[in-house]
């Protein structure tokens, strides 16, 4: 409601309509007649935007059309009714000149648009996720039934921490001291229970990191190491792990989950699918060993969060790599839409820090015909031949010779590679660049290799799969001879 409007009795919510376009440009409320309210608008517009519009009409010899929208509104309901009409008209697409109420309605529109875009993206990714899964058998199984040894001292510390937690949770926070006891000197049971829980919990966590940390391997750094440590110490609060053997099996499977399952969690998340639990496992694989192992690891709640954090800010995500691998080996041609853009970004990143196999190189050039220029720069050899009027091929020989003479020059190396008019290829993608997502990338490639989708000879693919499984297999020296339950 405007500053000059006084509402003593029933009032009217009105609209100002542009006589030229018939579109509503302003919503207001008044307790006076519409004629009086229009006169006040013309005499003293309530905003610069409204003043500009009225001046534009006046220059054309026109006035806005004022008309009732809702009448006989009690005074106490006027503001609510006015705001409701403002929201309704903004959401219907009217470009109102109101100051109050419009921003809230526009935020609703923006939220609707974002939600729609999210739903559309999830539908597209859902179809992609199913296509990727159809072309691959899912993630590699752990490949072992090892159980990391958990000393009796550690298991006892875990049990004590859990019992102390039960006591702490059951003790009322407002526990009062007995009658006649000085509250300043009395230590309430809740304080004792809390201190006992933290002491037991710290001991259990320290022992776990000391023993299990060595067994699993904490050679990681930064956030990856922090997440792995949280997963290990999360065992203390995971009451579903009901024995030392269960704890040992979880610890033995932890790196497998973070390495092999993480890309598939990313893919499911992009598609708006469950990323844990039976529904996720049913989509993920038909292999009961993979399903059972995933269910064990997910009993520690932090593990899923740790897997989801395995993505570098400036690198394509694990889901993008799965789509790119499927595009090269299983998705139908030609590539379209989102898949093309994913392939361009993902394979360009892989190409800059390693070589592709023949299938990936081919699909990259299909997605981006100028991929060679984008990765290695322009064709300088042809430019040399043209600019210096040299026989065809002379520029290629010059650049390649200079690259041999100056091996430390990355620019010359790229220019020499560009002269071949092709990407260098290997039987399997060379994921040699060491970043925190390297293990998950290798696991994704190995999953497709295990499904038979690679140009590598069978023996090379098998050796690659074995090497990848070794990433997450704990050393037997830290394990018991006990099979997993």
Protein backbone atom coordinates (compact mmCIF):
# COMPACT_ATOMS: atom_id res chain seq x y z
CA UNK A 1 0.00 0.00 0.00
CA UNK A 2 1.28 3.45 -0.83
CA UNK A 3 2.25 6.09 1.72
CA UNK A 4 -0.63 8.46 0.91
CA UNK A 5 -3.34 5.84 1.15
CA UNK A 6 -5.55 5.79 4.23
CA UNK A 7 -7.86 2.85 4.78
CA UNK A 8 -10.57 3.39 7.39
CA UNK A 9 -13.10 0.91 6.06
CA UNK A 10 -13.42 -1.65 3.31
CA UNK A 11 -11.02 -0.94 0.47
CA UNK A 12 -10.10 -2.01 -3.05
CA UNK A 13 -7.09 -3.68 -4.63
CA UNK A 14 -6.72 -2.08 -8.04
CA UNK A 15 -4.60 -2.38 -11.17
CA UNK A 16 -3.09 0.25 -13.46
CA UNK A 17 -3.21 -0.96 -17.05
CA UNK A 18 -1.28 0.43 -20.01
CA UNK A 19 -3.88 1.65 -22.55
CA UNK A 20 -1.53 0.84 -25.44
CA UNK A 21 -0.70 -2.77 -24.62
CA UNK A 22 -3.55 -3.57 -22.21
CA UNK A 23 -0.92 -5.08 -19.86
CA UNK A 24 -1.15 -4.47 -16.11
CA UNK A 25 1.88 -2.49 -14.89
CA UNK A 26 1.00 -1.74 -11.27
CA UNK A 27 -1.01 -3.23 -8.41
CA UNK A 28 -2.10 -1.11 -5.45
CA UNK A 29 -4.66 -0.88 -2.65
CA UNK A 30 -6.75 2.07 -1.57
CA UNK A 31 -9.58 3.05 0.72
CA UNK A 32 -10.57 5.99 -1.51
CA UNK A 33 -12.30 5.98 -4.87
CA UNK A 34 -10.27 4.77 -7.85
CA UNK A 35 -10.52 8.20 -9.49
CA UNK A 36 -8.97 9.88 -6.44
CA UNK A 37 -6.24 7.25 -6.23
CA UNK A 38 -5.36 7.67 -9.92
CA UNK A 39 -5.14 11.43 -9.48
CA UNK A 40 -2.70 10.95 -6.61
CA UNK A 41 -0.56 8.61 -8.72
CA UNK A 42 -0.40 11.19 -11.49
CA UNK A 43 0.43 13.98 -9.05
CA UNK A 44 3.04 12.10 -7.03
CA UNK A 45 4.25 8.74 -8.40
CA UNK A 46 5.56 6.41 -5.68
CA UNK A 47 8.73 5.36 -7.54
CA UNK A 48 11.04 6.50 -10.31
CA UNK A 49 9.99 3.57 -12.50
CA UNK A 50 6.31 4.41 -12.10
CA UNK A 51 7.04 8.10 -12.75
CA UNK A 52 8.87 7.26 -16.00
CA UNK A 53 6.00 5.11 -17.24
CA UNK A 54 3.38 7.77 -16.41
CA UNK A 55 5.51 10.45 -18.11
CA UNK A 56 5.77 8.25 -21.22
CA UNK A 57 1.97 7.90 -21.28
CA UNK A 58 1.51 11.63 -20.74
CA UNK A 59 3.82 12.41 -23.67
CA UNK A 60 1.54 10.27 -25.84
CA UNK A 61 -1.55 12.04 -24.50
CA UNK A 62 -2.65 9.00 -22.50
CA UNK A 63 -3.41 8.02 -18.92
CA UNK A 64 -3.28 4.58 -17.30
CA UNK A 65 -6.52 2.65 -17.00
CA UNK A 66 -7.39 2.05 -13.36
CA UNK A 67 -9.69 -0.85 -12.56
CA UNK A 68 -10.67 -2.86 -9.48
CA UNK A 69 -9.15 -6.29 -8.94
CA UNK A 70 -10.70 -7.13 -5.56
CA UNK A 71 -13.30 -5.00 -3.73
CA UNK A 72 -14.84 -4.66 -0.27
CA UNK A 73 -11.72 -5.87 1.52
CA UNK A 74 -11.59 -5.27 5.30
CA UNK A 75 -8.93 -2.74 6.28
CA UNK A 76 -6.89 -5.27 8.26
CA UNK A 77 -6.70 -7.58 5.21
CA UNK A 78 -5.70 -4.96 2.64
CA UNK A 79 -1.93 -5.45 2.79
CA UNK A 80 -2.27 -9.23 2.54
CA UNK A 81 -4.66 -8.95 -0.40
CA UNK A 82 -2.41 -6.44 -2.19
CA UNK A 83 0.67 -8.64 -1.81
CA UNK A 84 -1.25 -11.70 -2.94
CA UNK A 85 -2.33 -9.92 -6.15
CA UNK A 86 1.21 -8.63 -6.77
CA UNK A 87 2.58 -12.17 -6.45
CA UNK A 88 -0.18 -13.58 -8.64
CA UNK A 89 0.42 -11.11 -11.47
CA UNK A 90 4.22 -11.37 -11.36
CA UNK A 91 3.97 -15.16 -11.45
CA UNK A 92 1.60 -14.82 -14.42
CA UNK A 93 4.25 -12.84 -16.29
CA UNK A 94 3.16 -9.25 -15.75
CA UNK A 95 6.10 -6.82 -15.49
CA UNK A 96 4.94 -4.74 -12.55
CA UNK A 97 6.49 -1.44 -11.53
CA UNK A 98 5.80 -1.99 -7.83
CA UNK A 99 8.70 -1.76 -5.42
CA UNK A 100 7.29 -3.83 -2.57
CA UNK A 101 6.30 -7.46 -3.10
CA UNK A 102 7.78 -7.86 -6.59
CA UNK A 103 11.20 -9.10 -5.48
CA UNK A 104 9.64 -11.87 -3.38
CA UNK A 105 7.51 -12.98 -6.32
CA UNK A 106 10.49 -12.89 -8.67
CA UNK A 107 12.42 -15.06 -6.22
CA UNK A 108 9.57 -17.57 -6.37
CA UNK A 109 9.82 -17.51 -10.16
CA UNK A 110 13.58 -17.99 -9.98
CA UNK A 111 13.14 -20.90 -7.57
CA UNK A 112 10.58 -22.46 -9.90
CA UNK A 113 12.94 -22.06 -12.86
CA UNK A 114 15.83 -23.57 -10.90
CA UNK A 115 13.68 -26.49 -9.76
CA UNK A 116 12.50 -27.10 -13.32
CA UNK A 117 16.08 -26.99 -14.61
CA UNK A 118 17.09 -29.43 -11.88
CA UNK A 119 14.28 -31.83 -12.81
CA UNK A 120 15.17 -31.62 -16.50
CA UNK A 121 18.84 -32.21 -15.71
CA UNK A 122 18.02 -35.18 -13.51
CA UNK A 123 15.81 -36.70 -16.21
CA UNK A 124 18.61 -36.36 -18.76
CA UNK A 125 21.19 -37.75 -16.35
CA UNK A 126 18.82 -40.56 -15.37
CA UNK A 127 18.69 -41.75 -18.97
CA UNK A 128 22.48 -41.38 -19.21
CA UNK A 129 23.00 -43.31 -15.97
CA UNK A 130 20.90 -46.21 -17.22
CA UNK A 131 22.73 -46.18 -20.56
CA UNK A 132 26.11 -46.22 -18.82
CA UNK A 133 25.02 -49.02 -16.52
CA UNK A 134 23.61 -51.04 -19.43
CA UNK A 135 26.99 -50.89 -21.18
CA UNK A 136 28.99 -51.93 -18.14
CA UNK A 137 28.68 -54.53 -15.42
CA UNK A 138 29.01 -51.89 -12.74
CA UNK A 139 31.97 -51.33 -10.43
CA UNK A 140 34.66 -53.92 -9.87
CA UNK A 141 34.15 -56.24 -6.88
CA UNK A 142 36.63 -55.95 -4.01
CA UNK A 143 38.47 -59.05 -5.22
CA UNK A 144 39.31 -60.17 -1.68
CA UNK A 145 37.64 -61.48 1.48
CA UNK A 146 40.21 -60.09 3.87
CA UNK A 147 39.45 -58.92 7.40
CA UNK A 148 41.82 -56.42 8.98
CA UNK A 149 42.89 -57.59 12.41
CA UNK A 150 41.29 -55.64 15.25
CA UNK A 151 43.09 -56.20 18.52
CA UNK A 152 41.02 -57.13 21.57
CA UNK A 153 42.16 -53.91 23.24
CA UNK A 154 40.64 -51.88 20.39
CA UNK A 155 37.38 -53.82 20.38
CA UNK A 156 37.05 -53.40 24.16
CA UNK A 157 37.68 -49.65 23.81
CA UNK A 158 34.98 -49.44 21.12
CA UNK A 159 32.50 -51.28 23.33
CA UNK A 160 33.27 -49.07 26.33
CA UNK A 161 32.78 -45.94 24.21
CA UNK A 162 29.43 -47.21 23.00
CA UNK A 163 28.27 -48.06 26.52
CA UNK A 164 29.41 -44.64 27.76
CA UNK A 165 27.46 -43.02 24.96
CA UNK A 166 24.29 -44.82 26.03
CA UNK A 167 24.74 -43.55 29.58
CA UNK A 168 25.38 -40.00 28.36
CA UNK A 169 22.32 -40.06 26.12
CA UNK A 170 20.09 -41.35 28.93
CA UNK A 171 21.26 -38.83 31.57
CA UNK A 172 19.04 -35.70 31.77
CA UNK A 173 20.96 -32.52 31.07
CA UNK A 174 19.24 -30.71 33.95
CA UNK A 175 20.11 -33.33 36.59
CA UNK A 176 19.91 -31.60 39.98
CA UNK A 177 22.17 -32.28 43.01
CA UNK A 178 20.71 -34.01 46.07
CA UNK A 179 19.16 -31.82 48.78
CA UNK A 180 21.73 -30.10 50.96
CA UNK A 181 24.61 -30.64 48.49
CA UNK A 182 26.43 -27.55 47.23
CA UNK A 183 25.77 -27.43 43.44
CA UNK A 184 29.13 -25.67 42.94
CA UNK A 185 31.08 -28.67 44.24
CA UNK A 186 28.78 -31.49 43.12
CA UNK A 187 29.72 -33.28 39.91
CA UNK A 188 26.50 -34.36 38.28
CA UNK A 189 26.31 -37.84 36.75
CA UNK A 190 25.70 -36.23 33.34
CA UNK A 191 29.10 -34.48 33.56
CA UNK A 192 30.83 -37.69 34.62
CA UNK A 193 29.10 -39.67 31.85
CA UNK A 194 30.10 -37.10 29.22
CA UNK A 195 33.71 -37.09 30.36
CA UNK A 196 33.75 -40.87 30.44
CA UNK A 197 32.31 -41.08 26.92
CA UNK A 198 34.87 -38.67 25.48
CA UNK A 199 37.74 -40.46 27.22
CA UNK A 200 36.63 -43.89 25.98
CA UNK A 201 35.83 -42.58 22.52
CA UNK A 202 39.21 -40.87 22.18
CA UNK A 203 41.04 -44.02 23.23
CA UNK A 204 39.12 -46.13 20.71
CA UNK A 205 39.70 -43.64 17.91
CA UNK A 206 43.40 -43.27 18.67
CA UNK A 207 43.89 -47.03 18.71
CA UNK A 208 41.95 -47.44 15.47
CA UNK A 209 44.01 -44.81 13.67
CA UNK A 210 47.22 -46.31 15.01
CA UNK A 211 46.46 -49.87 13.91
CA UNK A 212 43.90 -49.62 11.11
CA UNK A 213 45.56 -46.50 9.72
CA UNK A 214 48.68 -48.49 8.93
CA UNK A 215 46.69 -51.41 7.57
CA UNK A 216 44.53 -49.30 5.24
CA UNK A 217 47.25 -46.84 4.33
CA UNK A 218 47.07 -43.14 5.15
CA UNK A 219 49.57 -41.97 2.56
CA UNK A 220 46.94 -39.57 1.23
CA UNK A 221 47.10 -35.87 2.00
CA UNK A 222 44.69 -33.01 2.63
CA UNK A 223 40.95 -33.59 2.58
CA UNK A 224 41.24 -37.15 1.23
CA UNK A 225 43.30 -38.15 4.28
CA UNK A 226 40.93 -36.31 6.63
CA UNK A 227 37.92 -38.09 5.15
CA UNK A 228 39.60 -41.47 5.38
CA UNK A 229 40.43 -40.86 9.04
CA UNK A 230 36.80 -39.89 9.76
CA UNK A 231 35.65 -43.11 8.14
CA UNK A 232 38.00 -45.15 10.32
CA UNK A 233 37.06 -43.42 13.55
CA UNK A 234 33.37 -43.54 12.57
CA UNK A 235 33.52 -47.23 13.47
CA UNK A 236 33.17 -46.25 17.14
CA UNK A 237 29.65 -44.90 16.62
CA UNK A 238 28.53 -47.57 14.13
CA UNK A 239 26.59 -49.88 16.45
CA UNK A 240 25.59 -51.98 13.41
CA UNK A 241 29.15 -53.35 13.37
CA UNK A 242 28.54 -55.79 16.19
CA UNK A 243 31.86 -57.65 16.40
CA UNK A 244 35.57 -57.18 15.87
CA UNK A 245 35.25 -59.25 12.70
CA UNK A 246 32.56 -56.92 11.33
CA UNK A 247 34.76 -53.92 12.11
CA UNK A 248 37.74 -55.63 10.45
CA UNK A 249 35.75 -56.40 7.32
CA UNK A 250 34.53 -52.80 7.10
CA UNK A 251 38.09 -51.52 7.40
CA UNK A 252 39.26 -53.95 4.72
CA UNK A 253 36.56 -52.71 2.31
CA UNK A 254 36.85 -48.99 3.02
CA UNK A 255 39.34 -48.04 0.32
CA UNK A 256 37.50 -50.19 -2.20
CA UNK A 257 34.29 -48.24 -1.59
CA UNK A 258 36.02 -44.85 -1.82
CA UNK A 259 37.78 -45.90 -5.02
CA UNK A 260 35.43 -48.19 -6.96
CA UNK A 261 31.97 -47.07 -5.80
CA UNK A 262 32.56 -43.30 -5.71
CA UNK A 263 32.15 -42.75 -9.52
CA UNK A 264 28.85 -44.60 -9.50
CA UNK A 265 27.57 -42.64 -6.51
CA UNK A 266 28.37 -39.45 -8.45
CA UNK A 267 26.47 -40.77 -11.46
CA UNK A 268 23.43 -41.72 -9.36
CA UNK A 269 23.48 -38.32 -7.61
CA UNK A 270 23.47 -36.48 -10.95
CA UNK A 271 20.42 -38.52 -11.90
CA UNK A 272 18.61 -37.76 -8.63
CA UNK A 273 18.80 -41.44 -7.68
CA UNK A 274 19.53 -42.95 -4.24
CA UNK A 275 23.27 -43.07 -3.57
CA UNK A 276 23.20 -45.75 -0.91
CA UNK A 277 21.00 -48.55 0.36
CA UNK A 278 19.17 -51.38 -1.42
CA UNK A 279 17.73 -49.27 -4.26
CA UNK A 280 21.20 -47.98 -5.14
CA UNK A 281 22.72 -51.45 -4.89
CA UNK A 282 20.00 -52.96 -7.11
CA UNK A 283 20.76 -50.43 -9.86
CA UNK A 284 24.51 -50.55 -9.31
CA UNK A 285 25.21 -54.20 -10.00
CA UNK A 286 23.94 -57.72 -10.26
CA UNK A 287 27.00 -59.00 -8.41
CA UNK A 288 25.98 -60.08 -4.87
CA UNK A 289 29.57 -59.65 -3.65
CA UNK A 290 29.49 -55.96 -4.62
CA UNK A 291 26.06 -55.44 -3.06
CA UNK A 292 27.01 -57.11 0.21
CA UNK A 293 30.32 -55.26 0.44
CA UNK A 294 28.67 -51.90 -0.25
CA UNK A 295 26.06 -52.56 2.43
CA UNK A 296 28.80 -53.31 4.99
CA UNK A 297 30.72 -50.11 4.25
CA UNK A 298 27.62 -47.92 4.35
CA UNK A 299 27.03 -48.86 7.99
CA UNK A 300 29.50 -46.11 8.87
CA UNK A 301 27.61 -42.97 7.92
CA UNK A 302 30.60 -40.79 7.07
CA UNK A 303 31.81 -43.17 4.34
CA UNK A 304 29.25 -41.97 1.82
CA UNK A 305 30.13 -38.35 2.47
CA UNK A 306 33.82 -39.14 1.99
CA UNK A 307 33.11 -40.83 -1.35
CA UNK A 308 31.08 -37.85 -2.53
CA UNK A 309 33.93 -35.45 -1.73
CA UNK A 310 36.30 -37.16 -4.18
CA UNK A 311 36.16 -34.55 -6.89
CA UNK A 312 38.66 -31.84 -7.74
CA UNK A 313 37.28 -28.36 -8.24
CA UNK A 314 38.95 -27.85 -11.60
CA UNK A 315 38.61 -31.36 -13.02
CA UNK A 316 35.66 -33.19 -14.58
CA UNK A 317 33.86 -35.35 -12.06
CA UNK A 318 33.78 -39.15 -11.82
CA UNK A 319 30.29 -39.25 -13.36
CA UNK A 320 31.57 -37.31 -16.39
CA UNK A 321 34.33 -39.88 -16.89
CA UNK A 322 31.85 -42.77 -16.77
CA UNK A 323 29.74 -41.06 -19.44
CA UNK A 324 32.81 -40.40 -21.60
CA UNK A 325 33.95 -44.01 -21.35
CA UNK A 326 30.46 -45.18 -22.27
CA UNK A 327 30.40 -42.73 -25.18
CA UNK A 328 33.59 -44.27 -26.52
CA UNK A 329 32.71 -47.90 -25.99
CA UNK A 330 28.95 -48.48 -25.64
CA UNK A 331 26.70 -45.46 -26.36
CA UNK A 332 25.14 -45.24 -29.84
CA UNK A 333 26.43 -42.76 -32.41
CA UNK A 334 26.23 -39.94 -33.22
CA UNK A 335 26.75 -38.21 -29.91
CA UNK A 336 24.33 -35.39 -29.12
CA UNK A 337 23.61 -32.67 -26.60
CA UNK A 338 24.90 -33.12 -23.09
CA UNK A 339 27.03 -36.16 -23.94
CA UNK A 340 28.96 -34.17 -26.54
CA UNK A 341 29.76 -31.41 -24.05
CA UNK A 342 30.77 -33.90 -21.35
CA UNK A 343 33.09 -35.72 -23.76
CA UNK A 344 34.71 -32.47 -24.89
CA UNK A 345 35.58 -31.31 -21.38
CA UNK A 346 36.47 -34.69 -19.89
CA UNK A 347 38.62 -36.07 -22.69
CA UNK A 348 40.39 -32.76 -23.20
CA UNK A 349 41.42 -32.94 -19.55
CA UNK A 350 42.63 -36.54 -19.93
CA UNK A 351 44.51 -35.70 -23.12
CA UNK A 352 46.44 -32.85 -21.56
CA UNK A 353 47.84 -35.12 -18.85
CA UNK A 354 48.09 -38.48 -20.59
CA UNK A 355 47.12 -40.38 -23.72
CA UNK A 356 43.86 -41.95 -24.79
CA UNK A 357 43.09 -45.33 -26.20
CA UNK A 358 41.95 -45.47 -29.84
CA UNK A 359 38.24 -45.48 -28.98
CA UNK A 360 38.49 -42.44 -26.71
CA UNK A 361 40.63 -40.54 -29.24
CA UNK A 362 38.09 -41.25 -31.96
CA UNK A 363 35.08 -40.20 -29.92
CA UNK A 364 36.87 -37.04 -28.78
CA UNK A 365 37.45 -35.96 -32.39
CA UNK A 366 33.81 -36.77 -33.20
CA UNK A 367 32.65 -34.55 -30.34
CA UNK A 368 35.11 -31.76 -31.15
CA UNK A 369 36.57 -31.69 -34.68
CA UNK A 370 39.03 -28.98 -33.53
CA UNK A 371 40.15 -30.97 -30.49
CA UNK A 372 43.78 -31.17 -31.69
CA UNK A 373 43.98 -27.38 -31.89
CA UNK A 374 42.33 -27.00 -28.47
CA UNK A 375 44.82 -29.36 -26.81
CA UNK A 376 48.09 -28.76 -28.67
CA UNK A 377 47.56 -25.42 -30.37
CA UNK A 378 47.25 -24.57 -34.11
CA UNK A 379 48.91 -26.49 -36.95
CA UNK A 380 52.20 -24.56 -37.01
CA UNK A 381 53.83 -26.93 -39.50
CA UNK A 382 51.39 -26.01 -42.26
CA UNK A 383 51.78 -22.34 -41.30
CA UNK A 384 55.57 -22.58 -41.71
CA UNK A 385 55.22 -24.20 -45.14
CA UNK A 386 52.82 -21.48 -46.28
CA UNK A 387 54.57 -18.45 -44.76
CA UNK A 388 58.09 -19.44 -45.86
CA UNK A 389 57.05 -21.07 -49.17
CA UNK A 390 58.63 -24.36 -48.16
CA UNK A 391 58.04 -27.76 -49.74
CA UNK A 392 55.14 -29.62 -48.16
CA UNK A 393 56.21 -31.40 -44.96
CA UNK A 394 59.19 -29.13 -44.28
CA UNK A 395 57.49 -27.42 -41.34
CA UNK A 396 56.76 -30.79 -39.75
CA UNK A 397 60.41 -31.86 -39.96
CA UNK A 398 61.62 -28.51 -38.56
CA UNK A 399 59.28 -28.60 -35.55
CA UNK A 400 59.98 -32.24 -34.77
CA UNK A 401 63.74 -31.64 -34.99
CA UNK A 402 63.53 -28.60 -32.71
CA UNK A 403 61.49 -30.62 -30.21
CA UNK A 404 64.28 -33.20 -30.08
CA UNK A 405 66.93 -30.49 -29.65
CA UNK A 406 64.95 -28.73 -26.91
CA UNK A 407 63.21 -31.54 -25.00
CA UNK A 408 62.46 -29.30 -22.01
CA UNK A 409 60.14 -27.08 -24.04
CA UNK A 410 56.52 -28.07 -23.43
CA UNK A 411 55.36 -25.75 -26.23
CA UNK A 412 57.63 -27.43 -28.76
CA UNK A 413 56.51 -30.84 -27.56
CA UNK A 414 52.87 -29.87 -28.11
CA UNK A 415 53.66 -28.41 -31.53
CA UNK A 416 55.50 -31.62 -32.51
CA UNK A 417 52.56 -33.75 -31.37
CA UNK A 418 50.20 -31.53 -33.37
CA UNK A 419 52.19 -32.25 -36.56
CA UNK A 420 51.06 -35.89 -36.44
CA UNK A 421 47.43 -34.78 -36.93
CA UNK A 422 46.38 -37.40 -34.38
CA UNK A 423 46.27 -38.01 -30.67
CA UNK A 424 48.85 -40.41 -29.28
CA UNK A 425 47.09 -43.59 -28.19
CA UNK A 426 47.74 -46.53 -25.91
CA UNK A 427 45.92 -49.85 -25.49
CA UNK A 428 44.39 -48.48 -22.27
CA UNK A 429 43.88 -44.86 -21.18
CA UNK A 430 47.02 -43.58 -19.50
CA UNK A 431 45.79 -41.99 -16.27
CA UNK A 432 49.24 -41.17 -14.98
CA UNK A 433 48.51 -37.73 -13.58
CA UNK A 434 48.41 -38.04 -9.81
CA UNK A 435 45.45 -36.13 -8.42
CA UNK A 436 43.09 -37.19 -5.67
CA UNK A 437 40.57 -38.56 -8.20
CA UNK A 438 43.17 -40.67 -10.03
CA UNK A 439 42.26 -43.91 -8.17
CA UNK A 440 38.55 -43.44 -8.90
CA UNK A 441 39.30 -42.74 -12.57
CA UNK A 442 41.41 -45.86 -12.85
CA UNK A 443 38.62 -47.88 -11.20
CA UNK A 444 36.12 -46.54 -13.76
CA UNK A 445 38.38 -47.55 -16.67
CA UNK A 446 38.95 -50.95 -15.09
CA UNK A 447 35.19 -51.52 -14.78
CA UNK A 448 34.76 -51.01 -18.52
CA UNK A 449 37.85 -53.13 -19.23
CA UNK A 450 36.35 -55.94 -17.13
CA UNK A 451 33.20 -55.69 -19.26
CA UNK A 452 35.29 -56.17 -22.41
CA UNK A 453 35.02 -52.60 -23.71
CA UNK A 454 38.61 -51.70 -24.50
CA UNK A 455 41.05 -51.87 -27.38
CA UNK A 456 43.68 -53.48 -25.13
CA UNK A 457 44.59 -57.14 -25.58
CA UNK A 458 42.96 -59.32 -22.96
CA UNK A 459 46.19 -59.87 -21.07
CA UNK A 460 46.83 -56.11 -20.81
CA UNK A 461 43.27 -55.44 -19.68
CA UNK A 462 43.53 -58.19 -17.10
CA UNK A 463 46.83 -56.81 -15.81
CA UNK A 464 45.26 -53.33 -15.56
CA UNK A 465 42.31 -54.68 -13.57
CA UNK A 466 44.63 -56.53 -11.19
CA UNK A 467 46.73 -53.38 -10.69
CA UNK A 468 43.60 -51.32 -9.94
CA UNK A 469 42.29 -53.85 -7.43
CA UNK A 470 45.68 -53.71 -5.71
CA UNK A 471 44.98 -50.02 -4.94
CA UNK A 472 42.38 -50.97 -2.37
CA UNK A 473 43.52 -54.43 -1.24
CA UNK A 474 45.01 -54.32 2.27
CA UNK A 475 48.26 -56.13 2.94
CA UNK A 476 47.73 -59.62 4.32
CA UNK A 477 50.23 -58.91 7.09
CA UNK A 478 47.60 -56.69 8.72
CA UNK A 479 44.75 -59.17 8.24
CA UNK A 480 43.42 -62.20 10.05
CA UNK A 481 42.89 -65.54 8.43
CA UNK A 482 39.19 -65.16 9.07
CA UNK A 483 36.85 -65.01 6.10
CA UNK A 484 34.29 -62.23 5.94
CA UNK A 485 30.88 -63.06 7.38
